[in-house]
């Protein structure tokens, strides 16, 4: 939906994912969108270089989140919020549902 404005589908995916979940890493995004890892990594690097995103490491994983000092952060977030509202209900629910707590040992799926 935002591909013409942002320049690529990967850029839209990265920004929508981080907007919905506050942070994320490249492989997690690639698995979620069922796409290759390379375009996601390139977009993350590009957005970090532009100052839109910042990253930090947690172990061996590089986590990305929005840069709170980015001048147009409020505008980008409002644009992404509007775009996510137009996603299909299934896609929107899947994107907004965050399951990061560990499971109890031996608990059935």
C-alpha atoms as a PDB file:
ATOM      1  CA  UNK A   1       0.000   0.000   0.000  1.00  0.00           C
ATOM      2  CA  UNK A   2       2.819   2.441   0.834  1.00  0.00           C
ATOM      3  CA  UNK A   3       5.212   0.931  -1.692  1.00  0.00           C
ATOM      4  CA  UNK A   4       4.949   3.840  -4.200  1.00  0.00           C
ATOM      5  CA  UNK A   5       5.720   6.373  -1.471  1.00  0.00           C
ATOM      6  CA  UNK A   6       8.484   4.454   0.303  1.00  0.00           C
ATOM      7  CA  UNK A   7      10.097   3.036  -2.814  1.00  0.00           C
ATOM      8  CA  UNK A   8       9.908  -0.695  -2.096  1.00  0.00           C
ATOM      9  CA  UNK A   9       7.713  -3.347  -0.575  1.00  0.00           C
ATOM     10  CA  UNK A  10      10.531  -4.390   1.771  1.00  0.00           C
ATOM     11  CA  UNK A  11      10.703  -0.892   3.230  1.00  0.00           C
ATOM     12  CA  UNK A  12       6.962  -0.902   3.904  1.00  0.00           C
ATOM     13  CA  UNK A  13       7.200  -4.325   5.518  1.00  0.00           C
ATOM     14  CA  UNK A  14      10.095  -3.330   7.780  1.00  0.00           C
ATOM     15  CA  UNK A  15       8.437  -0.115   8.945  1.00  0.00           C
ATOM     16  CA  UNK A  16       5.026  -1.749   9.483  1.00  0.00           C
ATOM     17  CA  UNK A  17       6.581  -4.582  11.478  1.00  0.00           C
ATOM     18  CA  UNK A  18       8.558  -2.265  13.729  1.00  0.00           C
ATOM     19  CA  UNK A  19       5.568   0.047  14.152  1.00  0.00           C
ATOM     20  CA  UNK A  20       3.330  -2.848  15.200  1.00  0.00           C
ATOM     21  CA  UNK A  21       5.818  -4.557  17.524  1.00  0.00           C
ATOM     22  CA  UNK A  22       8.055  -1.652  18.640  1.00  0.00           C
ATOM     23  CA  UNK A  23      11.229  -3.606  17.753  1.00  0.00           C
ATOM     24  CA  UNK A  24      12.383  -6.539  15.695  1.00  0.00           C
ATOM     25  CA  UNK A  25      15.280  -8.257  14.014  1.00  0.00           C
ATOM     26  CA  UNK A  26      15.871  -9.103  10.378  1.00  0.00           C
ATOM     27  CA  UNK A  27      15.305 -12.862  10.417  1.00  0.00           C
ATOM     28  CA  UNK A  28      12.095 -12.447  12.435  1.00  0.00           C
ATOM     29  CA  UNK A  29      10.747 -10.019   9.815  1.00  0.00           C
ATOM     30  CA  UNK A  30      11.786 -12.238   6.910  1.00  0.00           C
ATOM     31  CA  UNK A  31      10.057 -15.253   8.476  1.00  0.00           C
ATOM     32  CA  UNK A  32       6.930 -13.267   9.262  1.00  0.00           C
ATOM     33  CA  UNK A  33       6.550 -11.977   5.704  1.00  0.00           C
ATOM     34  CA  UNK A  34       7.847 -15.249   4.172  1.00  0.00           C
ATOM     35  CA  UNK A  35      10.464 -13.467   2.104  1.00  0.00           C
ATOM     36  CA  UNK A  36      14.218 -13.553   1.621  1.00  0.00           C
ATOM     37  CA  UNK A  37      16.459 -12.190   4.345  1.00  0.00           C
ATOM     38  CA  UNK A  38      18.692 -10.072   2.091  1.00  0.00           C
ATOM     39  CA  UNK A  39      16.150  -7.385   1.047  1.00  0.00           C
ATOM     40  CA  UNK A  40      15.035  -6.984   4.659  1.00  0.00           C
ATOM     41  CA  UNK A  41      18.625  -6.532   5.841  1.00  0.00           C
ATOM     42  CA  UNK A  42      19.317  -3.989   3.094  1.00  0.00           C
ATOM     43  CA  UNK A  43      16.255  -1.948   4.074  1.00  0.00           C
ATOM     44  CA  UNK A  44      17.188  -2.062   7.750  1.00  0.00           C
ATOM     45  CA  UNK A  45      20.705  -0.834   6.921  1.00  0.00           C
ATOM     46  CA  UNK A  46      19.326   1.903   4.662  1.00  0.00           C
ATOM     47  CA  UNK A  47      16.808   3.099   7.254  1.00  0.00           C
ATOM     48  CA  UNK A  48      19.428   3.041  10.011  1.00  0.00           C
ATOM     49  CA  UNK A  49      21.854   5.036   7.865  1.00  0.00           C
ATOM     50  CA  UNK A  50      19.079   7.588   7.189  1.00  0.00           C
ATOM     51  CA  UNK A  51      18.429   7.933  10.910  1.00  0.00           C
ATOM     52  CA  UNK A  52      14.879   6.536  10.868  1.00  0.00           C
ATOM     53  CA  UNK A  53      15.857   3.438  12.856  1.00  0.00           C
ATOM     54  CA  UNK A  54      18.416   2.729  15.547  1.00  0.00           C
ATOM     55  CA  UNK A  55      19.784  -0.666  16.495  1.00  0.00           C
ATOM     56  CA  UNK A  56      21.204  -2.358  19.536  1.00  0.00           C
ATOM     57  CA  UNK A  57      22.543  -5.813  20.148  1.00  0.00           C
ATOM     58  CA  UNK A  58      21.007  -8.392  22.442  1.00  0.00           C
ATOM     59  CA  UNK A  59      23.459 -11.273  22.517  1.00  0.00           C
ATOM     60  CA  UNK A  60      24.226 -11.993  18.878  1.00  0.00           C
ATOM     61  CA  UNK A  61      20.986 -10.464  17.611  1.00  0.00           C
ATOM     62  CA  UNK A  62      20.713  -6.916  16.305  1.00  0.00           C
ATOM     63  CA  UNK A  63      17.363  -5.399  17.322  1.00  0.00           C
ATOM     64  CA  UNK A  64      15.964  -2.424  15.417  1.00  0.00           C
ATOM     65  CA  UNK A  65      13.496   0.191  16.635  1.00  0.00           C
ATOM     66  CA  UNK A  66      12.397   3.684  15.643  1.00  0.00           C
ATOM     67  CA  UNK A  67      14.834   6.481  16.406  1.00  0.00           C
ATOM     68  CA  UNK A  68      13.031   8.686  18.964  1.00  0.00           C
ATOM     69  CA  UNK A  69      15.073  11.682  17.775  1.00  0.00           C
ATOM     70  CA  UNK A  70      14.019  11.369  14.116  1.00  0.00           C
ATOM     71  CA  UNK A  71      12.390  14.638  13.020  1.00  0.00           C
ATOM     72  CA  UNK A  72       9.449  13.064  11.151  1.00  0.00           C
ATOM     73  CA  UNK A  73       8.784  10.146  13.502  1.00  0.00           C
ATOM     74  CA  UNK A  74       5.289  11.308  14.424  1.00  0.00           C
ATOM     75  CA  UNK A  75       4.318  11.666  10.762  1.00  0.00           C
ATOM     76  CA  UNK A  76       5.737   8.271   9.788  1.00  0.00           C
ATOM     77  CA  UNK A  77       3.909   6.582  12.647  1.00  0.00           C
ATOM     78  CA  UNK A  78       0.593   8.194  11.740  1.00  0.00           C
ATOM     79  CA  UNK A  79       1.046   7.145   8.103  1.00  0.00           C
ATOM     80  CA  UNK A  80       1.844   3.565   9.137  1.00  0.00           C
ATOM     81  CA  UNK A  81      -1.115   3.481  11.528  1.00  0.00           C
ATOM     82  CA  UNK A  82      -3.443   4.515   8.699  1.00  0.00           C
ATOM     83  CA  UNK A  83      -1.903   1.961   6.317  1.00  0.00           C
ATOM     84  CA  UNK A  84      -2.218  -0.900   8.829  1.00  0.00           C
ATOM     85  CA  UNK A  85      -5.886   0.011   9.316  1.00  0.00           C
ATOM     86  CA  UNK A  86      -6.433  -0.874   5.638  1.00  0.00           C
ATOM     87  CA  UNK A  87      -4.746  -4.305   5.869  1.00  0.00           C
ATOM     88  CA  UNK A  88      -7.034  -7.309   5.838  1.00  0.00           C
ATOM     89  CA  UNK A  89      -8.284  -8.264   9.322  1.00  0.00           C
ATOM     90  CA  UNK A  90      -6.271 -11.503   9.287  1.00  0.00           C
ATOM     91  CA  UNK A  91      -3.033  -9.765   8.285  1.00  0.00           C
ATOM     92  CA  UNK A  92      -3.591  -6.970  10.795  1.00  0.00           C
ATOM     93  CA  UNK A  93      -4.282  -9.400  13.664  1.00  0.00           C
ATOM     94  CA  UNK A  94      -1.250 -11.518  12.786  1.00  0.00           C
ATOM     95  CA  UNK A  95       0.966  -8.428  12.624  1.00  0.00           C
ATOM     96  CA  UNK A  96      -0.259  -6.916  15.885  1.00  0.00           C
ATOM     97  CA  UNK A  97      -0.167 -10.144  17.921  1.00  0.00           C
ATOM     98  CA  UNK A  98       3.146 -10.361  19.748  1.00  0.00           C
ATOM     99  CA  UNK A  99       4.056 -13.647  21.437  1.00  0.00           C
ATOM    100  CA  UNK A 100       7.459 -13.368  23.041  1.00  0.00           C
ATOM    101  CA  UNK A 101       7.006 -14.963  26.426  1.00  0.00           C
ATOM    102  CA  UNK A 102       8.683 -18.333  26.825  1.00  0.00           C
ATOM    103  CA  UNK A 103       6.483 -21.401  27.012  1.00  0.00           C
ATOM    104  CA  UNK A 104       6.279 -23.534  30.119  1.00  0.00           C
ATOM    105  CA  UNK A 105       8.404 -26.673  29.827  1.00  0.00           C
ATOM    106  CA  UNK A 106       6.341 -29.624  28.625  1.00  0.00           C
ATOM    107  CA  UNK A 107       3.289 -27.520  27.750  1.00  0.00           C
ATOM    108  CA  UNK A 108       1.480 -28.918  24.700  1.00  0.00           C
ATOM    109  CA  UNK A 109       1.135 -26.729  21.632  1.00  0.00           C
END
